[in-house]
Amino acid sequence: MYGQGEVEKYKSIFTLSFIRYIGWPEEVKQGDFVIGVLKDKEVANWLRSLSKGKKFGYQNVVIKEFKSPAEISDCQVLYVSSSVNMSKYAATIVDKVGGKNTLIVTERAGATKYGAMINFVIKEDKLKFEIKKDNASKFGLPISSKLSAMNSAITL
């Protein structure tokens, strides 16, 4: 078994790593690099801790927390907690980030059917992630094939 917060820590580490494997358009390479977190305080805290004082290129990494899909504002990455029902809120989430080159990362089974581009799954006590390149392409975000190679699971 794994310690409390360990899974969230690894999800946060992976999420920060994902951004290096995305073909970000020029228009999102200005200002702050914002990672939004929807309904997951622990992941938000890990992301804040792990990214403190770090930059992505020339951009400062900023973590924003959202308590509901209606609160979502501009961000380059949106991390959606498993407590959010993607089938119910996908339209709102996609609408809020639609056309804004936002990478949607989730942690709920089946979320890639509803617009998620990367989805965390736990299989046989291993943390893995699914990639849906077609969803990312719709948002103008090509995903490097090198990201798939990163998917050597973390044993929990």
N, C-alpha and C. Protein backbone atom coordinates (compact mmCIF):
# COMPACT_ATOMS: atom_id res chain seq x y z
N MET A 1 0.85 -1.18 0.00
CA MET A 1 0.00 0.00 0.00
C MET A 1 0.89 1.25 0.00
N TYR A 2 0.35 2.37 -0.28
CA TYR A 2 1.11 3.60 -0.40
C TYR A 2 0.67 4.59 0.67
N GLY A 3 1.57 5.52 0.99
CA GLY A 3 1.29 6.51 2.02
C GLY A 3 0.31 7.57 1.54
N GLN A 4 -0.35 8.20 2.50
CA GLN A 4 -1.30 9.25 2.17
C GLN A 4 -0.58 10.38 1.45
N GLY A 5 -1.13 10.80 0.35
CA GLY A 5 -0.55 11.89 -0.42
C GLY A 5 0.49 11.45 -1.44
N GLU A 6 0.93 10.20 -1.36
CA GLU A 6 1.96 9.73 -2.28
C GLU A 6 1.47 9.71 -3.73
N VAL A 7 0.26 9.23 -3.94
CA VAL A 7 -0.30 9.18 -5.29
C VAL A 7 -0.42 10.59 -5.85
N GLU A 8 -0.93 11.52 -5.04
CA GLU A 8 -1.08 12.91 -5.49
C GLU A 8 0.28 13.52 -5.82
N LYS A 9 1.30 13.18 -5.04
CA LYS A 9 2.64 13.69 -5.32
C LYS A 9 3.11 13.21 -6.70
N TYR A 10 2.96 11.92 -6.99
CA TYR A 10 3.38 11.40 -8.28
C TYR A 10 2.55 11.96 -9.43
N LYS A 11 1.26 12.14 -9.22
CA LYS A 11 0.42 12.75 -10.25
C LYS A 11 0.90 14.18 -10.54
N SER A 12 1.30 14.88 -9.50
CA SER A 12 1.80 16.25 -9.66
C SER A 12 3.13 16.26 -10.40
N ILE A 13 4.01 15.34 -10.04
CA ILE A 13 5.31 15.25 -10.73
C ILE A 13 5.09 14.96 -12.21
N PHE A 14 4.23 13.99 -12.51
CA PHE A 14 3.93 13.67 -13.91
C PHE A 14 3.33 14.86 -14.63
N THR A 15 2.37 15.53 -14.00
CA THR A 15 1.70 16.67 -14.63
C THR A 15 2.72 17.74 -15.01
N LEU A 16 3.64 18.04 -14.11
CA LEU A 16 4.68 19.02 -14.44
C LEU A 16 5.59 18.52 -15.56
N SER A 17 5.82 17.22 -15.62
CA SER A 17 6.64 16.65 -16.68
C SER A 17 5.93 16.69 -18.03
N PHE A 18 4.62 16.49 -18.03
CA PHE A 18 3.86 16.47 -19.28
C PHE A 18 4.09 17.72 -20.12
N ILE A 19 4.21 18.87 -19.46
CA ILE A 19 4.25 20.13 -20.21
C ILE A 19 5.45 20.22 -21.15
N ARG A 20 6.50 19.45 -20.87
CA ARG A 20 7.68 19.47 -21.75
C ARG A 20 7.45 18.69 -23.04
N TYR A 21 6.39 17.90 -23.09
CA TYR A 21 6.14 17.03 -24.25
C TYR A 21 4.97 17.50 -25.10
N ILE A 22 4.58 18.74 -24.92
CA ILE A 22 3.47 19.32 -25.66
C ILE A 22 4.03 20.37 -26.61
N GLY A 23 3.53 20.39 -27.83
CA GLY A 23 3.93 21.43 -28.80
C GLY A 23 3.10 22.68 -28.57
N TRP A 24 3.53 23.49 -27.61
CA TRP A 24 2.76 24.68 -27.23
C TRP A 24 2.85 25.73 -28.32
N PRO A 25 1.71 26.31 -28.74
CA PRO A 25 1.74 27.40 -29.72
C PRO A 25 2.38 28.66 -29.11
N GLU A 26 2.88 29.50 -29.96
CA GLU A 26 3.57 30.72 -29.51
C GLU A 26 2.71 31.60 -28.60
N GLU A 27 1.41 31.68 -28.89
CA GLU A 27 0.56 32.59 -28.11
C GLU A 27 0.43 32.20 -26.64
N VAL A 28 0.73 30.95 -26.28
CA VAL A 28 0.65 30.58 -24.87
C VAL A 28 2.02 30.60 -24.19
N LYS A 29 3.03 31.05 -24.90
CA LYS A 29 4.38 31.10 -24.34
C LYS A 29 4.69 32.49 -23.78
N GLN A 30 3.66 33.29 -23.53
CA GLN A 30 3.84 34.63 -22.98
C GLN A 30 3.09 34.74 -21.68
N GLY A 31 3.55 35.62 -20.80
CA GLY A 31 2.90 35.76 -19.49
C GLY A 31 3.26 34.57 -18.62
N ASP A 32 2.43 34.31 -17.63
CA ASP A 32 2.67 33.17 -16.74
C ASP A 32 2.20 31.87 -17.40
N PHE A 33 2.81 30.76 -17.00
CA PHE A 33 2.34 29.44 -17.41
C PHE A 33 1.43 28.97 -16.28
N VAL A 34 0.13 28.92 -16.54
CA VAL A 34 -0.85 28.67 -15.49
C VAL A 34 -1.34 27.22 -15.54
N ILE A 35 -1.27 26.57 -14.39
CA ILE A 35 -1.84 25.23 -14.22
C ILE A 35 -3.03 25.39 -13.29
N GLY A 36 -4.21 25.12 -13.82
CA GLY A 36 -5.43 25.18 -13.03
C GLY A 36 -5.72 23.81 -12.44
N VAL A 37 -6.23 23.79 -11.23
CA VAL A 37 -6.58 22.53 -10.57
C VAL A 37 -8.03 22.64 -10.12
N LEU A 38 -8.86 21.72 -10.62
CA LEU A 38 -10.27 21.72 -10.29
C LEU A 38 -10.56 20.70 -9.20
N LYS A 39 -10.92 21.21 -8.02
CA LYS A 39 -11.39 20.42 -6.88
C LYS A 39 -10.39 19.38 -6.36
N ASP A 40 -9.12 19.77 -6.24
CA ASP A 40 -8.14 18.86 -5.65
C ASP A 40 -7.06 19.68 -4.95
N LYS A 41 -7.32 20.04 -3.70
CA LYS A 41 -6.40 20.88 -2.93
C LYS A 41 -5.04 20.22 -2.75
N GLU A 42 -5.02 18.90 -2.55
CA GLU A 42 -3.75 18.21 -2.32
C GLU A 42 -2.86 18.26 -3.56
N VAL A 43 -3.42 17.99 -4.73
CA VAL A 43 -2.63 18.08 -5.96
C VAL A 43 -2.17 19.53 -6.18
N ALA A 44 -3.05 20.48 -5.93
CA ALA A 44 -2.67 21.90 -6.07
C ALA A 44 -1.50 22.24 -5.15
N ASN A 45 -1.55 21.76 -3.91
CA ASN A 45 -0.46 22.03 -2.97
C ASN A 45 0.84 21.38 -3.43
N TRP A 46 0.77 20.14 -3.92
CA TRP A 46 1.97 19.48 -4.44
C TRP A 46 2.53 20.23 -5.65
N LEU A 47 1.64 20.64 -6.55
CA LEU A 47 2.11 21.38 -7.73
C LEU A 47 2.78 22.69 -7.32
N ARG A 48 2.19 23.38 -6.36
CA ARG A 48 2.78 24.62 -5.86
C ARG A 48 4.17 24.37 -5.28
N SER A 49 4.26 23.34 -4.45
CA SER A 49 5.53 23.00 -3.80
C SER A 49 6.60 22.60 -4.83
N LEU A 50 6.22 21.74 -5.76
CA LEU A 50 7.18 21.23 -6.75
C LEU A 50 7.58 22.27 -7.79
N SER A 51 6.73 23.26 -8.04
CA SER A 51 7.03 24.25 -9.07
C SER A 51 7.54 25.58 -8.51
N LYS A 52 7.62 25.68 -7.20
CA LYS A 52 8.02 26.94 -6.56
C LYS A 52 9.37 27.41 -7.09
N GLY A 53 9.38 28.65 -7.60
CA GLY A 53 10.61 29.24 -8.10
C GLY A 53 11.06 28.70 -9.45
N LYS A 54 10.27 27.82 -10.06
CA LYS A 54 10.65 27.24 -11.35
C LYS A 54 9.97 27.97 -12.49
N LYS A 55 10.57 27.83 -13.64
CA LYS A 55 10.01 28.45 -14.85
C LYS A 55 9.83 27.37 -15.90
N PHE A 56 8.90 27.63 -16.80
CA PHE A 56 8.75 26.82 -18.00
C PHE A 56 9.17 27.74 -19.13
N GLY A 57 10.36 27.50 -19.65
CA GLY A 57 10.93 28.45 -20.60
C GLY A 57 11.20 29.75 -19.85
N TYR A 58 10.59 30.83 -20.32
CA TYR A 58 10.74 32.13 -19.66
C TYR A 58 9.55 32.46 -18.77
N GLN A 59 8.61 31.53 -18.67
CA GLN A 59 7.37 31.80 -17.93
C GLN A 59 7.44 31.28 -16.50
N ASN A 60 6.91 32.08 -15.58
CA ASN A 60 6.73 31.62 -14.21
C ASN A 60 5.58 30.62 -14.19
N VAL A 61 5.72 29.57 -13.40
CA VAL A 61 4.65 28.58 -13.26
C VAL A 61 3.76 29.04 -12.10
N VAL A 62 2.46 29.18 -12.39
CA VAL A 62 1.48 29.64 -11.41
C VAL A 62 0.39 28.58 -11.29
N ILE A 63 0.01 28.27 -10.05
CA ILE A 63 -1.04 27.29 -9.80
C ILE A 63 -2.30 28.03 -9.36
N LYS A 64 -3.43 27.78 -10.05
CA LYS A 64 -4.72 28.37 -9.70
C LYS A 64 -5.65 27.24 -9.29
N GLU A 65 -6.42 27.46 -8.24
CA GLU A 65 -7.40 26.46 -7.81
C GLU A 65 -8.80 26.92 -8.18
N PHE A 66 -9.61 25.95 -8.66
CA PHE A 66 -11.00 26.21 -9.00
C PHE A 66 -11.87 25.25 -8.19
N LYS A 67 -12.93 25.77 -7.57
CA LYS A 67 -13.80 24.95 -6.74
C LYS A 67 -14.94 24.32 -7.54
N SER A 68 -15.21 24.86 -8.73
CA SER A 68 -16.28 24.31 -9.57
C SER A 68 -15.92 24.55 -11.04
N PRO A 69 -16.51 23.78 -11.95
CA PRO A 69 -16.25 24.00 -13.37
C PRO A 69 -16.59 25.42 -13.82
N ALA A 70 -17.58 26.03 -13.21
CA ALA A 70 -17.99 27.39 -13.58
C ALA A 70 -16.89 28.42 -13.30
N GLU A 71 -15.99 28.13 -12.34
CA GLU A 71 -14.92 29.06 -11.97
C GLU A 71 -13.71 29.01 -12.90
N ILE A 72 -13.62 28.00 -13.75
CA ILE A 72 -12.42 27.82 -14.58
C ILE A 72 -12.17 29.05 -15.43
N SER A 73 -10.91 29.49 -15.41
CA SER A 73 -10.49 30.61 -16.24
C SER A 73 -9.24 30.17 -17.01
N ASP A 74 -8.69 31.09 -17.77
CA ASP A 74 -7.56 30.76 -18.65
C ASP A 74 -6.43 30.04 -17.93
N CYS A 75 -6.00 28.94 -18.51
CA CYS A 75 -4.84 28.21 -18.02
C CYS A 75 -4.31 27.33 -19.16
N GLN A 76 -3.03 27.04 -19.10
CA GLN A 76 -2.44 26.19 -20.13
C GLN A 76 -2.68 24.72 -19.84
N VAL A 77 -2.76 24.36 -18.55
CA VAL A 77 -3.06 23.00 -18.13
C VAL A 77 -4.22 23.07 -17.14
N LEU A 78 -5.17 22.16 -17.31
CA LEU A 78 -6.27 22.05 -16.34
C LEU A 78 -6.26 20.63 -15.80
N TYR A 79 -6.01 20.52 -14.49
CA TYR A 79 -6.02 19.23 -13.81
C TYR A 79 -7.39 19.06 -13.17
N VAL A 80 -8.11 18.00 -13.56
CA VAL A 80 -9.48 17.78 -13.09
C VAL A 80 -9.50 16.59 -12.13
N SER A 81 -9.91 16.82 -10.91
CA SER A 81 -9.98 15.80 -9.87
C SER A 81 -10.96 14.69 -10.22
N SER A 82 -10.74 13.52 -9.62
CA SER A 82 -11.67 12.40 -9.82
C SER A 82 -13.03 12.68 -9.19
N SER A 83 -13.11 13.68 -8.32
CA SER A 83 -14.40 14.01 -7.71
C SER A 83 -15.32 14.75 -8.68
N VAL A 84 -14.79 15.13 -9.84
CA VAL A 84 -15.59 15.82 -10.85
C VAL A 84 -16.07 14.78 -11.87
N ASN A 85 -17.36 14.71 -12.08
CA ASN A 85 -17.94 13.78 -13.03
C ASN A 85 -17.77 14.35 -14.44
N MET A 86 -16.78 13.80 -15.18
CA MET A 86 -16.48 14.32 -16.52
C MET A 86 -17.66 14.18 -17.47
N SER A 87 -18.40 13.09 -17.39
CA SER A 87 -19.52 12.92 -18.32
C SER A 87 -20.56 14.03 -18.09
N LYS A 88 -20.72 14.45 -16.85
CA LYS A 88 -21.71 15.49 -16.51
C LYS A 88 -21.19 16.90 -16.82
N TYR A 89 -19.90 17.15 -16.54
CA TYR A 89 -19.36 18.51 -16.64
C TYR A 89 -18.44 18.74 -17.84
N ALA A 90 -18.28 17.75 -18.71
CA ALA A 90 -17.35 17.88 -19.84
C ALA A 90 -17.67 19.09 -20.71
N ALA A 91 -18.94 19.29 -21.02
CA ALA A 91 -19.31 20.41 -21.90
C ALA A 91 -18.91 21.74 -21.27
N THR A 92 -19.15 21.89 -19.97
CA THR A 92 -18.79 23.13 -19.27
C THR A 92 -17.27 23.31 -19.27
N ILE A 93 -16.55 22.24 -18.94
CA ILE A 93 -15.09 22.31 -18.87
C ILE A 93 -14.51 22.63 -20.24
N VAL A 94 -14.94 21.93 -21.26
CA VAL A 94 -14.43 22.16 -22.61
C VAL A 94 -14.80 23.56 -23.08
N ASP A 95 -16.01 24.02 -22.74
CA ASP A 95 -16.43 25.36 -23.11
C ASP A 95 -15.54 26.41 -22.43
N LYS A 96 -15.22 26.20 -21.15
CA LYS A 96 -14.41 27.17 -20.40
C LYS A 96 -12.99 27.27 -20.96
N VAL A 97 -12.43 26.16 -21.46
CA VAL A 97 -11.06 26.19 -21.97
C VAL A 97 -11.01 26.08 -23.49
N GLY A 98 -12.17 25.90 -24.11
CA GLY A 98 -12.26 25.69 -25.55
C GLY A 98 -11.52 26.72 -26.37
N GLY A 99 -10.73 26.23 -27.32
CA GLY A 99 -10.01 27.11 -28.22
C GLY A 99 -8.87 27.85 -27.57
N LYS A 100 -8.51 27.48 -26.35
CA LYS A 100 -7.49 28.22 -25.62
C LYS A 100 -6.21 27.41 -25.42
N ASN A 101 -6.00 26.37 -26.22
CA ASN A 101 -4.76 25.58 -26.13
C ASN A 101 -4.51 25.09 -24.71
N THR A 102 -5.51 24.50 -24.10
CA THR A 102 -5.40 24.01 -22.73
C THR A 102 -5.32 22.49 -22.72
N LEU A 103 -4.30 21.96 -22.04
CA LEU A 103 -4.14 20.54 -21.85
C LEU A 103 -5.01 20.11 -20.67
N ILE A 104 -5.94 19.17 -20.90
CA ILE A 104 -6.83 18.70 -19.85
C ILE A 104 -6.32 17.36 -19.33
N VAL A 105 -5.96 17.34 -18.04
CA VAL A 105 -5.45 16.14 -17.38
C VAL A 105 -6.47 15.73 -16.33
N THR A 106 -6.86 14.45 -16.35
CA THR A 106 -7.90 13.97 -15.44
C THR A 106 -7.44 12.73 -14.69
N GLU A 107 -8.31 12.26 -13.80
CA GLU A 107 -8.00 11.06 -13.03
C GLU A 107 -9.26 10.23 -12.79
N ARG A 108 -10.10 10.18 -13.81
CA ARG A 108 -11.36 9.44 -13.68
C ARG A 108 -11.53 8.50 -14.87
N ALA A 109 -11.84 7.25 -14.61
CA ALA A 109 -12.01 6.26 -15.68
C ALA A 109 -12.96 6.77 -16.75
N GLY A 110 -12.56 6.60 -18.00
CA GLY A 110 -13.41 6.99 -19.13
C GLY A 110 -13.37 8.46 -19.49
N ALA A 111 -12.56 9.26 -18.81
CA ALA A 111 -12.55 10.71 -19.03
C ALA A 111 -12.09 11.10 -20.43
N THR A 112 -11.27 10.26 -21.07
CA THR A 112 -10.81 10.60 -22.42
C THR A 112 -11.98 10.59 -23.42
N LYS A 113 -13.06 9.90 -23.08
CA LYS A 113 -14.25 9.92 -23.96
C LYS A 113 -14.93 11.29 -23.93
N TYR A 114 -14.61 12.08 -22.91
CA TYR A 114 -15.28 13.37 -22.72
C TYR A 114 -14.34 14.57 -22.88
N GLY A 115 -13.22 14.37 -23.55
CA GLY A 115 -12.35 15.50 -23.86
C GLY A 115 -11.02 15.52 -23.15
N ALA A 116 -10.81 14.68 -22.15
CA ALA A 116 -9.51 14.66 -21.47
C ALA A 116 -8.43 14.21 -22.46
N MET A 117 -7.26 14.78 -22.33
CA MET A 117 -6.15 14.44 -23.21
C MET A 117 -5.20 13.45 -22.55
N ILE A 118 -5.04 13.61 -21.23
CA ILE A 118 -4.23 12.67 -20.45
C ILE A 118 -5.06 12.31 -19.22
N ASN A 119 -5.14 11.01 -18.94
CA ASN A 119 -5.96 10.55 -17.83
C ASN A 119 -5.14 9.57 -16.98
N PHE A 120 -5.04 9.86 -15.69
CA PHE A 120 -4.36 8.95 -14.76
C PHE A 120 -5.24 7.76 -14.44
N VAL A 121 -4.64 6.58 -14.40
CA VAL A 121 -5.34 5.36 -14.01
C VAL A 121 -4.42 4.57 -13.09
N ILE A 122 -5.02 3.79 -12.21
CA ILE A 122 -4.25 2.89 -11.36
C ILE A 122 -4.65 1.48 -11.75
N LYS A 123 -3.67 0.74 -12.23
CA LYS A 123 -3.90 -0.65 -12.64
C LYS A 123 -2.92 -1.53 -11.90
N GLU A 124 -3.45 -2.53 -11.19
CA GLU A 124 -2.62 -3.47 -10.44
C GLU A 124 -1.60 -2.75 -9.55
N ASP A 125 -2.09 -1.76 -8.79
CA ASP A 125 -1.27 -0.96 -7.88
C ASP A 125 -0.15 -0.20 -8.58
N LYS A 126 -0.35 0.16 -9.83
CA LYS A 126 0.62 0.96 -10.58
C LYS A 126 -0.09 2.20 -11.12
N LEU A 127 0.56 3.34 -10.96
CA LEU A 127 0.03 4.59 -11.50
C LEU A 127 0.48 4.70 -12.95
N LYS A 128 -0.49 4.80 -13.84
CA LYS A 128 -0.22 4.95 -15.27
C LYS A 128 -1.05 6.10 -15.80
N PHE A 129 -0.86 6.41 -17.07
CA PHE A 129 -1.71 7.42 -17.68
C PHE A 129 -2.05 7.02 -19.11
N GLU A 130 -3.25 7.42 -19.51
CA GLU A 130 -3.73 7.21 -20.87
C GLU A 130 -3.57 8.53 -21.62
N ILE A 131 -3.25 8.43 -22.90
CA ILE A 131 -3.09 9.62 -23.72
C ILE A 131 -4.08 9.55 -24.87
N LYS A 132 -4.79 10.64 -25.11
CA LYS A 132 -5.73 10.73 -26.24
C LYS A 132 -5.27 11.89 -27.12
N LYS A 133 -4.37 11.56 -28.07
CA LYS A 133 -3.78 12.60 -28.93
C LYS A 133 -4.82 13.34 -29.76
N ASP A 134 -5.89 12.65 -30.18
CA ASP A 134 -6.93 13.31 -30.98
C ASP A 134 -7.57 14.46 -30.21
N ASN A 135 -7.82 14.25 -28.92
CA ASN A 135 -8.41 15.33 -28.11
C ASN A 135 -7.46 16.51 -28.02
N ALA A 136 -6.18 16.24 -27.84
CA ALA A 136 -5.19 17.32 -27.75
C ALA A 136 -5.10 18.07 -29.08
N SER A 137 -5.14 17.34 -30.19
CA SER A 137 -5.06 17.98 -31.51
C SER A 137 -6.20 18.96 -31.73
N LYS A 138 -7.38 18.65 -31.21
CA LYS A 138 -8.53 19.55 -31.35
C LYS A 138 -8.28 20.89 -30.67
N PHE A 139 -7.38 20.90 -29.68
CA PHE A 139 -7.03 22.13 -28.97
C PHE A 139 -5.71 22.71 -29.45
N GLY A 140 -5.21 22.19 -30.58
CA GLY A 140 -3.96 22.70 -31.15
C GLY A 140 -2.73 22.34 -30.34
N LEU A 141 -2.77 21.17 -29.67
CA LEU A 141 -1.67 20.76 -28.81
C LEU A 141 -1.11 19.40 -29.24
N PRO A 142 -0.12 19.40 -30.13
CA PRO A 142 0.48 18.11 -30.49
C PRO A 142 1.25 17.53 -29.30
N ILE A 143 1.08 16.23 -29.09
CA ILE A 143 1.76 15.53 -27.99
C ILE A 143 2.88 14.70 -28.58
N SER A 144 4.06 14.87 -28.03
CA SER A 144 5.24 14.12 -28.49
C SER A 144 5.08 12.63 -28.20
N SER A 145 5.56 11.82 -29.13
CA SER A 145 5.52 10.37 -28.92
C SER A 145 6.41 9.96 -27.74
N LYS A 146 7.33 10.83 -27.36
CA LYS A 146 8.21 10.56 -26.21
C LYS A 146 7.41 10.48 -24.91
N LEU A 147 6.24 11.12 -24.87
CA LEU A 147 5.41 11.09 -23.67
C LEU A 147 4.92 9.67 -23.40
N SER A 148 4.57 8.95 -24.46
CA SER A 148 4.13 7.56 -24.29
C SER A 148 5.22 6.71 -23.65
N ALA A 149 6.45 7.00 -24.01
CA ALA A 149 7.58 6.23 -23.45
C ALA A 149 7.75 6.48 -21.95
N MET A 150 7.28 7.62 -21.48
CA MET A 150 7.36 7.95 -20.05
C MET A 150 6.42 7.10 -19.22
N ASN A 151 5.50 6.42 -19.87
CA ASN A 151 4.43 5.74 -19.17
C ASN A 151 4.89 4.42 -18.54
N SER A 152 6.10 4.44 -18.00
CA SER A 152 6.54 3.30 -17.20
C SER A 152 5.97 3.54 -15.80
N ALA A 153 5.09 2.72 -15.41
CA ALA A 153 4.26 2.96 -14.23
C ALA A 153 5.06 3.05 -12.93
N ILE A 154 4.53 3.83 -12.02
CA ILE A 154 5.03 3.92 -10.67
C ILE A 154 4.31 2.86 -9.84
N THR A 155 5.03 1.99 -9.20
CA THR A 155 4.40 0.98 -8.36
C THR A 155 4.03 1.61 -7.02
N LEU A 156 2.79 1.44 -6.64
CA LEU A 156 2.31 2.06 -5.40
C LEU A 156 2.40 1.10 -4.24
